[in-house]
PDB file of N, CA and C in Angstrom:
ATOM      1  N   MET A   1       7.748  31.706  39.125  1.00  0.00           N
ATOM      2  CA  MET A   1       6.802  30.726  38.645  1.00  0.00           C
ATOM      3  C   MET A   1       6.861  30.588  37.123  1.00  0.00           C
ATOM      4  N   GLY A   2       7.133  31.683  36.414  1.00  0.00           N
ATOM      5  CA  GLY A   2       7.246  31.648  34.964  1.00  0.00           C
ATOM      6  C   GLY A   2       8.392  30.773  34.498  1.00  0.00           C
ATOM      7  N   THR A   3       9.495  30.708  35.227  1.00  0.00           N
ATOM      8  CA  THR A   3      10.629  29.891  34.821  1.00  0.00           C
ATOM      9  C   THR A   3      10.324  28.409  34.973  1.00  0.00           C
ATOM     10  N   TYR A   4       9.446  28.045  35.901  1.00  0.00           N
ATOM     11  CA  TYR A   4       9.084  26.641  36.090  1.00  0.00           C
ATOM     12  C   TYR A   4       8.240  26.147  34.918  1.00  0.00           C
ATOM     13  N   LYS A   5       7.319  26.968  34.456  1.00  0.00           N
ATOM     14  CA  LYS A   5       6.421  26.564  33.370  1.00  0.00           C
ATOM     15  C   LYS A   5       7.144  26.491  32.027  1.00  0.00           C
ATOM     16  N   GLU A   6       8.132  27.347  31.829  1.00  0.00           N
ATOM     17  CA  GLU A   6       8.803  27.387  30.535  1.00  0.00           C
ATOM     18  C   GLU A   6       9.495  26.074  30.183  1.00  0.00           C
ATOM     19  N   PRO A   7      10.356  25.476  31.044  1.00  0.00           N
ATOM     20  CA  PRO A   7      10.967  24.197  30.674  1.00  0.00           C
ATOM     21  C   PRO A   7       9.920  23.111  30.457  1.00  0.00           C
ATOM     22  N   ARG A   8       8.875  23.132  31.249  1.00  0.00           N
ATOM     23  CA  ARG A   8       7.817  22.139  31.113  1.00  0.00           C
ATOM     24  C   ARG A   8       7.122  22.298  29.759  1.00  0.00           C
ATOM     25  N   SER A   9       6.841  23.531  29.403  1.00  0.00           N
ATOM     26  CA  SER A   9       6.203  23.825  28.131  1.00  0.00           C
ATOM     27  C   SER A   9       7.110  23.425  26.972  1.00  0.00           C
ATOM     28  N   SER A  10       8.398  23.688  27.123  1.00  0.00           N
ATOM     29  CA  SER A  10       9.365  23.333  26.091  1.00  0.00           C
ATOM     30  C   SER A  10       9.441  21.820  25.909  1.00  0.00           C
ATOM     31  N   LEU A  11       9.432  21.088  27.001  1.00  0.00           N
ATOM     32  CA  LEU A  11       9.460  19.620  26.936  1.00  0.00           C
ATOM     33  C   LEU A  11       8.200  19.098  26.262  1.00  0.00           C
ATOM     34  N   PHE A  12       7.066  19.656  26.635  1.00  0.00           N
ATOM     35  CA  PHE A  12       5.790  19.251  26.046  1.00  0.00           C
ATOM     36  C   PHE A  12       5.816  19.503  24.537  1.00  0.00           C
ATOM     37  N   ARG A  13       6.295  20.682  24.125  1.00  0.00           N
ATOM     38  CA  ARG A  13       6.378  21.030  22.714  1.00  0.00           C
ATOM     39  C   ARG A  13       7.293  20.049  21.977  1.00  0.00           C
ATOM     40  N   GLU A  14       8.415  19.710  22.594  1.00  0.00           N
ATOM     41  CA  GLU A  14       9.365  18.781  21.974  1.00  0.00           C
ATOM     42  C   GLU A  14       8.741  17.391  21.797  1.00  0.00           C
ATOM     43  N   LEU A  15       8.010  16.933  22.808  1.00  0.00           N
ATOM     44  CA  LEU A  15       7.349  15.629  22.709  1.00  0.00           C
ATOM     45  C   LEU A  15       6.297  15.628  21.604  1.00  0.00           C
ATOM     46  N   ILE A  16       5.546  16.711  21.507  1.00  0.00           N
ATOM     47  CA  ILE A  16       4.540  16.823  20.449  1.00  0.00           C
ATOM     48  C   ILE A  16       5.213  16.798  19.077  1.00  0.00           C
ATOM     49  N   GLU A  17       6.289  17.555  18.920  1.00  0.00           N
ATOM     50  CA  GLU A  17       7.002  17.591  17.639  1.00  0.00           C
ATOM     51  C   GLU A  17       7.546  16.225  17.261  1.00  0.00           C
ATOM     52  N   GLN A  18       8.067  15.488  18.247  1.00  0.00           N
ATOM     53  CA  GLN A  18       8.577  14.138  17.975  1.00  0.00           C
ATOM     54  C   GLN A  18       7.444  13.219  17.543  1.00  0.00           C
ATOM     55  N   GLY A  19       6.293  13.335  18.201  1.00  0.00           N
ATOM     56  CA  GLY A  19       5.134  12.511  17.838  1.00  0.00           C
ATOM     57  C   GLY A  19       4.649  12.817  16.434  1.00  0.00           C
ATOM     58  N   VAL A  20       4.596  14.097  16.112  1.00  0.00           N
ATOM     59  CA  VAL A  20       4.158  14.502  14.772  1.00  0.00           C
ATOM     60  C   VAL A  20       5.151  13.990  13.730  1.00  0.00           C
ATOM     61  N   GLU A  21       6.444  14.138  14.011  1.00  0.00           N
ATOM     62  CA  GLU A  21       7.469  13.674  13.076  1.00  0.00           C
ATOM     63  C   GLU A  21       7.346  12.168  12.830  1.00  0.00           C
ATOM     64  N   ARG A  22       7.165  11.408  13.902  1.00  0.00           N
ATOM     65  CA  ARG A  22       7.000   9.956  13.763  1.00  0.00           C
ATOM     66  C   ARG A  22       5.757   9.630  12.936  1.00  0.00           C
ATOM     67  N   GLY A  23       4.679  10.363  13.190  1.00  0.00           N
ATOM     68  CA  GLY A  23       3.444  10.141  12.438  1.00  0.00           C
ATOM     69  C   GLY A  23       3.617  10.429  10.957  1.00  0.00           C
ATOM     70  N   VAL A  24       4.329  11.502  10.647  1.00  0.00           N
ATOM     71  CA  VAL A  24       4.582  11.859   9.248  1.00  0.00           C
ATOM     72  C   VAL A  24       5.423  10.772   8.581  1.00  0.00           C
ATOM     73  N   GLU A  25       6.462  10.305   9.271  1.00  0.00           N
ATOM     74  CA  GLU A  25       7.317   9.250   8.709  1.00  0.00           C
ATOM     75  C   GLU A  25       6.506   7.986   8.443  1.00  0.00           C
ATOM     76  N   GLN A  26       5.652   7.616   9.384  1.00  0.00           N
ATOM     77  CA  GLN A  26       4.826   6.420   9.200  1.00  0.00           C
ATOM     78  C   GLN A  26       3.856   6.613   8.033  1.00  0.00           C
ATOM     79  N   GLY A  27       3.296   7.808   7.929  1.00  0.00           N
ATOM     80  CA  GLY A  27       2.374   8.100   6.830  1.00  0.00           C
ATOM     81  C   GLY A  27       3.063   8.017   5.482  1.00  0.00           C
ATOM     82  N   ILE A  28       4.277   8.534   5.406  1.00  0.00           N
ATOM     83  CA  ILE A  28       5.043   8.467   4.157  1.00  0.00           C
ATOM     84  C   ILE A  28       5.322   7.010   3.795  1.00  0.00           C
ATOM     85  N   GLU A  29       5.755   6.220   4.772  1.00  0.00           N
ATOM     86  CA  GLU A  29       6.054   4.808   4.519  1.00  0.00           C
ATOM     87  C   GLU A  29       4.807   4.061   4.049  1.00  0.00           C
ATOM     88  N   GLN A  30       3.673   4.326   4.703  1.00  0.00           N
ATOM     89  CA  GLN A  30       2.430   3.674   4.299  1.00  0.00           C
ATOM     90  C   GLN A  30       2.038   4.087   2.882  1.00  0.00           C
ATOM     91  N   GLY A  31       2.249   5.360   2.563  1.00  0.00           N
ATOM     92  CA  GLY A  31       1.943   5.845   1.223  1.00  0.00           C
ATOM     93  C   GLY A  31       2.813   5.176   0.172  1.00  0.00           C
ATOM     94  N   ILE A  32       4.078   5.005   0.490  1.00  0.00           N
ATOM     95  CA  ILE A  32       4.998   4.335  -0.435  1.00  0.00           C
ATOM     96  C   ILE A  32       4.555   2.891  -0.652  1.00  0.00           C
ATOM     97  N   GLN A  33       4.238   2.195   0.427  1.00  0.00           N
ATOM     98  CA  GLN A  33       3.806   0.801   0.315  1.00  0.00           C
ATOM     99  C   GLN A  33       2.510   0.689  -0.478  1.00  0.00           C
ATOM    100  N   ARG A  34       1.585   1.612  -0.252  1.00  0.00           N
ATOM    101  CA  ARG A  34       0.326   1.604  -0.999  1.00  0.00           C
ATOM    102  C   ARG A  34       0.591   1.852  -2.486  1.00  0.00           C
ATOM    103  N   GLY A  35       1.512   2.764  -2.780  1.00  0.00           N
ATOM    104  CA  GLY A  35       1.864   3.047  -4.173  1.00  0.00           C
ATOM    105  C   GLY A  35       2.483   1.845  -4.860  1.00  0.00           C
ATOM    106  N   ILE A  36       3.342   1.129  -4.146  1.00  0.00           N
ATOM    107  CA  ILE A  36       3.955  -0.087  -4.695  1.00  0.00           C
ATOM    108  C   ILE A  36       2.869  -1.121  -4.983  1.00  0.00           C
ATOM    109  N   ALA A  37       1.940  -1.294  -4.045  1.00  0.00           N
ATOM    110  CA  ALA A  37       0.850  -2.263  -4.235  1.00  0.00           C
ATOM    111  C   ALA A  37      -0.005  -1.877  -5.439  1.00  0.00           C
ATOM    112  N   GLN A  38      -0.288  -0.588  -5.597  1.00  0.00           N
ATOM    113  CA  GLN A  38      -1.085  -0.147  -6.744  1.00  0.00           C
ATOM    114  C   GLN A  38      -0.356  -0.431  -8.054  1.00  0.00           C
ATOM    115  N   GLY A  39       0.957  -0.229  -8.064  1.00  0.00           N
ATOM    116  CA  GLY A  39       1.739  -0.516  -9.264  1.00  0.00           C
ATOM    117  C   GLY A  39       1.724  -1.991  -9.615  1.00  0.00           C
ATOM    118  N   GLU A  40       1.822  -2.828  -8.592  1.00  0.00           N
ATOM    119  CA  GLU A  40       1.779  -4.272  -8.832  1.00  0.00           C
ATOM    120  C   GLU A  40       0.404  -4.699  -9.327  1.00  0.00           C
ATOM    121  N   ALA A  41      -0.647  -4.105  -8.781  1.00  0.00           N
ATOM    122  CA  ALA A  41      -2.008  -4.413  -9.241  1.00  0.00           C
ATOM    123  C   ALA A  41      -2.164  -4.011 -10.707  1.00  0.00           C
ATOM    124  N   GLU A  42      -1.641  -2.847 -11.056  1.00  0.00           N
ATOM    125  CA  GLU A  42      -1.706  -2.404 -12.457  1.00  0.00           C
ATOM    126  C   GLU A  42      -0.946  -3.365 -13.361  1.00  0.00           C
ATOM    127  N   ALA A  43       0.190  -3.868 -12.906  1.00  0.00           N
ATOM    128  CA  ALA A  43       0.973  -4.821 -13.707  1.00  0.00           C
ATOM    129  C   ALA A  43       0.183  -6.103 -13.947  1.00  0.00           C
ATOM    130  N   ILE A  44      -0.473  -6.584 -12.917  1.00  0.00           N
ATOM    131  CA  ILE A  44      -1.284  -7.813 -13.047  1.00  0.00           C
ATOM    132  C   ILE A  44      -2.373  -7.600 -14.089  1.00  0.00           C
ATOM    133  N   LEU A  45      -3.096  -6.494 -13.951  1.00  0.00           N
ATOM    134  CA  LEU A  45      -4.187  -6.216 -14.883  1.00  0.00           C
ATOM    135  C   LEU A  45      -3.669  -6.032 -16.307  1.00  0.00           C
ATOM    136  N   LEU A  46      -2.539  -5.383 -16.456  1.00  0.00           N
ATOM    137  CA  LEU A  46      -1.944  -5.184 -17.774  1.00  0.00           C
ATOM    138  C   LEU A  46      -1.566  -6.511 -18.418  1.00  0.00           C
ATOM    139  N   VAL A  47      -0.949  -7.398 -17.658  1.00  0.00           N
ATOM    140  CA  VAL A  47      -0.552  -8.709 -18.193  1.00  0.00           C
ATOM    141  C   VAL A  47      -1.792  -9.488 -18.629  1.00  0.00           C
ATOM    142  N   LEU A  48      -2.802  -9.529 -17.768  1.00  0.00           N
ATOM    143  CA  LEU A  48      -4.018 -10.278 -18.103  1.00  0.00           C
ATOM    144  C   LEU A  48      -4.668  -9.725 -19.367  1.00  0.00           C
ATOM    145  N   ARG A  49      -4.805  -8.422 -19.419  1.00  0.00           N
ATOM    146  CA  ARG A  49      -5.484  -7.808 -20.569  1.00  0.00           C
ATOM    147  C   ARG A  49      -4.650  -7.900 -21.837  1.00  0.00           C
ATOM    148  N   THR A  50      -3.343  -7.791 -21.715  1.00  0.00           N
ATOM    149  CA  THR A  50      -2.463  -7.920 -22.877  1.00  0.00           C
ATOM    150  C   THR A  50      -2.561  -9.328 -23.452  1.00  0.00           C
ATOM    151  N   ARG A  51      -2.755 -10.290 -22.581  1.00  0.00           N
ATOM    152  CA  ARG A  51      -2.919 -11.675 -23.032  1.00  0.00           C
ATOM    153  C   ARG A  51      -4.322 -11.932 -23.572  1.00  0.00           C
ATOM    154  N   GLY A  52      -5.194 -10.937 -23.528  1.00  0.00           N
ATOM    155  CA  GLY A  52      -6.546 -11.077 -24.067  1.00  0.00           C
ATOM    156  C   GLY A  52      -7.520 -11.741 -23.119  1.00  0.00           C
ATOM    157  N   LEU A  53      -7.169 -11.808 -21.839  1.00  0.00           N
ATOM    158  CA  LEU A  53      -8.058 -12.437 -20.868  1.00  0.00           C
ATOM    159  C   LEU A  53      -9.020 -11.401 -20.292  1.00  0.00           C
ATOM    160  N   PRO A  54     -10.309 -11.720 -20.279  1.00  0.00           N
ATOM    161  CA  PRO A  54     -11.260 -10.788 -19.672  1.00  0.00           C
ATOM    162  C   PRO A  54     -11.063 -10.740 -18.151  1.00  0.00           C
ATOM    163  N   VAL A  55     -11.238  -9.558 -17.602  1.00  0.00           N
ATOM    164  CA  VAL A  55     -11.108  -9.381 -16.149  1.00  0.00           C
ATOM    165  C   VAL A  55     -12.439  -8.832 -15.642  1.00  0.00           C
ATOM    166  N   SER A  56     -13.119  -9.629 -14.818  1.00  0.00           N
ATOM    167  CA  SER A  56     -14.405  -9.186 -14.281  1.00  0.00           C
ATOM    168  C   SER A  56     -14.208  -8.024 -13.313  1.00  0.00           C
ATOM    169  N   GLU A  57     -15.290  -7.291 -13.077  1.00  0.00           N
ATOM    170  CA  GLU A  57     -15.242  -6.191 -12.114  1.00  0.00           C
ATOM    171  C   GLU A  57     -14.810  -6.691 -10.743  1.00  0.00           C
ATOM    172  N   GLN A  58     -15.344  -7.859 -10.356  1.00  0.00           N
ATOM    173  CA  GLN A  58     -15.016  -8.424  -9.046  1.00  0.00           C
ATOM    174  C   GLN A  58     -13.532  -8.764  -8.948  1.00  0.00           C
ATOM    175  N   ALA A  59     -12.982  -9.354 -10.006  1.00  0.00           N
ATOM    176  CA  ALA A  59     -11.560  -9.707  -9.999  1.00  0.00           C
ATOM    177  C   ALA A  59     -10.703  -8.444  -9.949  1.00  0.00           C
ATOM    178  N   GLU A  60     -11.078  -7.437 -10.742  1.00  0.00           N
ATOM    179  CA  GLU A  60     -10.307  -6.193 -10.736  1.00  0.00           C
ATOM    180  C   GLU A  60     -10.351  -5.531  -9.357  1.00  0.00           C
ATOM    181  N   GLU A  61     -11.522  -5.503  -8.755  1.00  0.00           N
ATOM    182  CA  GLU A  61     -11.649  -4.912  -7.418  1.00  0.00           C
ATOM    183  C   GLU A  61     -10.793  -5.664  -6.401  1.00  0.00           C
ATOM    184  N   ARG A  62     -10.811  -6.975  -6.497  1.00  0.00           N
ATOM    185  CA  ARG A  62     -10.011  -7.787  -5.553  1.00  0.00           C
ATOM    186  C   ARG A  62      -8.515  -7.533  -5.743  1.00  0.00           C
ATOM    187  N   ILE A  63      -8.087  -7.457  -6.981  1.00  0.00           N
ATOM    188  CA  ILE A  63      -6.680  -7.196  -7.275  1.00  0.00           C
ATOM    189  C   ILE A  63      -6.287  -5.809  -6.760  1.00  0.00           C
ATOM    190  N   ARG A  64      -7.103  -4.803  -7.070  1.00  0.00           N
ATOM    191  CA  ARG A  64      -6.789  -3.434  -6.655  1.00  0.00           C
ATOM    192  C   ARG A  64      -6.858  -3.240  -5.140  1.00  0.00           C
ATOM    193  N   ALA A  65      -7.693  -4.001  -4.458  1.00  0.00           N
ATOM    194  CA  ALA A  65      -7.858  -3.851  -3.007  1.00  0.00           C
ATOM    195  C   ALA A  65      -6.739  -4.520  -2.215  1.00  0.00           C
ATOM    196  N   CYS A  66      -6.034  -5.436  -2.842  1.00  0.00           N
ATOM    197  CA  CYS A  66      -4.993  -6.196  -2.145  1.00  0.00           C
ATOM    198  C   CYS A  66      -3.796  -5.305  -1.821  1.00  0.00           C
ATOM    199  N   GLU A  67      -3.323  -5.383  -0.586  1.00  0.00           N
ATOM    200  CA  GLU A  67      -2.128  -4.642  -0.170  1.00  0.00           C
ATOM    201  C   GLU A  67      -1.028  -5.582   0.320  1.00  0.00           C
ATOM    202  N   ASP A  68      -1.256  -6.889   0.174  1.00  0.00           N
ATOM    203  CA  ASP A  68      -0.273  -7.899   0.587  1.00  0.00           C
ATOM    204  C   ASP A  68       0.735  -8.078  -0.547  1.00  0.00           C
ATOM    205  N   ARG A  69       1.934  -7.572  -0.331  1.00  0.00           N
ATOM    206  CA  ARG A  69       2.944  -7.555  -1.401  1.00  0.00           C
ATOM    207  C   ARG A  69       3.280  -8.962  -1.890  1.00  0.00           C
ATOM    208  N   GLU A  70       3.441  -9.909  -0.997  1.00  0.00           N
ATOM    209  CA  GLU A  70       3.772 -11.283  -1.410  1.00  0.00           C
ATOM    210  C   GLU A  70       2.669 -11.874  -2.275  1.00  0.00           C
ATOM    211  N   LEU A  71       1.430 -11.645  -1.885  1.00  0.00           N
ATOM    212  CA  LEU A  71       0.314 -12.164  -2.662  1.00  0.00           C
ATOM    213  C   LEU A  71       0.269 -11.502  -4.037  1.00  0.00           C
ATOM    214  N   LEU A  72       0.458 -10.196  -4.076  1.00  0.00           N
ATOM    215  CA  LEU A  72       0.471  -9.493  -5.360  1.00  0.00           C
ATOM    216  C   LEU A  72       1.574 -10.021  -6.276  1.00  0.00           C
ATOM    217  N   LEU A  73       2.753 -10.242  -5.717  1.00  0.00           N
ATOM    218  CA  LEU A  73       3.854 -10.768  -6.530  1.00  0.00           C
ATOM    219  C   LEU A  73       3.539 -12.167  -7.051  1.00  0.00           C
ATOM    220  N   SER A  74       2.858 -12.973  -6.239  1.00  0.00           N
ATOM    221  CA  SER A  74       2.489 -14.313  -6.723  1.00  0.00           C
ATOM    222  C   SER A  74       1.462 -14.198  -7.846  1.00  0.00           C
ATOM    223  N   TRP A  75       0.563 -13.213  -7.736  1.00  0.00           N
ATOM    224  CA  TRP A  75      -0.418 -12.997  -8.797  1.00  0.00           C
ATOM    225  C   TRP A  75       0.249 -12.493 -10.075  1.00  0.00           C
ATOM    226  N   VAL A  76       1.274 -11.659  -9.945  1.00  0.00           N
ATOM    227  CA  VAL A  76       1.999 -11.193 -11.126  1.00  0.00           C
ATOM    228  C   VAL A  76       2.573 -12.394 -11.872  1.00  0.00           C
ATOM    229  N   ALA A  77       3.204 -13.297 -11.140  1.00  0.00           N
ATOM    230  CA  ALA A  77       3.796 -14.497 -11.759  1.00  0.00           C
ATOM    231  C   ALA A  77       2.719 -15.376 -12.384  1.00  0.00           C
ATOM    232  N   LYS A  78       1.604 -15.557 -11.686  1.00  0.00           N
ATOM    233  CA  LYS A  78       0.521 -16.391 -12.209  1.00  0.00           C
ATOM    234  C   LYS A  78      -0.136 -15.761 -13.433  1.00  0.00           C
ATOM    235  N   ALA A  79      -0.208 -14.430 -13.472  1.00  0.00           N
ATOM    236  CA  ALA A  79      -0.893 -13.739 -14.566  1.00  0.00           C
ATOM    237  C   ALA A  79      -0.300 -14.100 -15.921  1.00  0.00           C
ATOM    238  N   VAL A  80       0.938 -14.527 -15.937  1.00  0.00           N
ATOM    239  CA  VAL A  80       1.619 -14.875 -17.186  1.00  0.00           C
ATOM    240  C   VAL A  80       1.113 -16.199 -17.745  1.00  0.00           C
ATOM    241  N   THR A  81       0.624 -17.093 -16.876  1.00  0.00           N
ATOM    242  CA  THR A  81       0.284 -18.442 -17.334  1.00  0.00           C
ATOM    243  C   THR A  81      -1.173 -18.858 -17.157  1.00  0.00           C
ATOM    244  N   VAL A  82      -1.949 -18.138 -16.340  1.00  0.00           N
ATOM    245  CA  VAL A  82      -3.332 -18.571 -16.091  1.00  0.00           C
ATOM    246  C   VAL A  82      -4.164 -18.511 -17.362  1.00  0.00           C
ATOM    247  N   GLU A  83      -5.244 -19.282 -17.355  1.00  0.00           N
ATOM    248  CA  GLU A  83      -6.146 -19.281 -18.499  1.00  0.00           C
ATOM    249  C   GLU A  83      -7.336 -18.364 -18.286  1.00  0.00           C
ATOM    250  N   SER A  84      -7.526 -17.912 -17.040  1.00  0.00           N
ATOM    251  CA  SER A  84      -8.562 -16.934 -16.739  1.00  0.00           C
ATOM    252  C   SER A  84      -8.115 -16.116 -15.541  1.00  0.00           C
ATOM    253  N   ALA A  85      -8.664 -14.910 -15.422  1.00  0.00           N
ATOM    254  CA  ALA A  85      -8.297 -14.037 -14.307  1.00  0.00           C
ATOM    255  C   ALA A  85      -8.650 -14.685 -12.969  1.00  0.00           C
ATOM    256  N   ASP A  86      -9.746 -15.408 -12.934  1.00  0.00           N
ATOM    257  CA  ASP A  86     -10.168 -16.051 -11.672  1.00  0.00           C
ATOM    258  C   ASP A  86      -9.180 -17.102 -11.186  1.00  0.00           C
ATOM    259  N   GLN A  87      -8.372 -17.663 -12.081  1.00  0.00           N
ATOM    260  CA  GLN A  87      -7.372 -18.647 -11.670  1.00  0.00           C
ATOM    261  C   GLN A  87      -6.267 -18.035 -10.797  1.00  0.00           C
ATOM    262  N   LEU A  88      -6.145 -16.722 -10.822  1.00  0.00           N
ATOM    263  CA  LEU A  88      -5.169 -16.068  -9.934  1.00  0.00           C
ATOM    264  C   LEU A  88      -5.443 -16.409  -8.485  1.00  0.00           C
ATOM    265  N   PHE A  89      -6.717 -16.521  -8.154  1.00  0.00           N
ATOM    266  CA  PHE A  89      -7.146 -16.646  -6.763  1.00  0.00           C
ATOM    267  C   PHE A  89      -7.209 -18.082  -6.264  1.00  0.00           C
ATOM    268  N   GLU A  90      -6.836 -19.020  -7.104  1.00  0.00           N
ATOM    269  CA  GLU A  90      -6.894 -20.435  -6.697  1.00  0.00           C
ATOM    270  C   GLU A  90      -5.631 -20.829  -5.961  1.00  0.00           C
TER     271      GLU A  90
END
């Protein structure tokens, strides 16, 4: 009876390890994407402030909360030419 349980236990352990590994990989990827988004948000804020444009708390929160890379990149491009931080969102 012990030999029957051992392969089953080994298979179960292997499945758990594969699940954990997949979860770790997904977590790392999500962390990388979040880090990229944070860097882009910092770039937007830096451009706006370097240009002397005031950035309201609400605008800063919205910029920092965004995780949509395409939207962030469009805001980076707009930050160079807008006349106010709120124009990013138009």
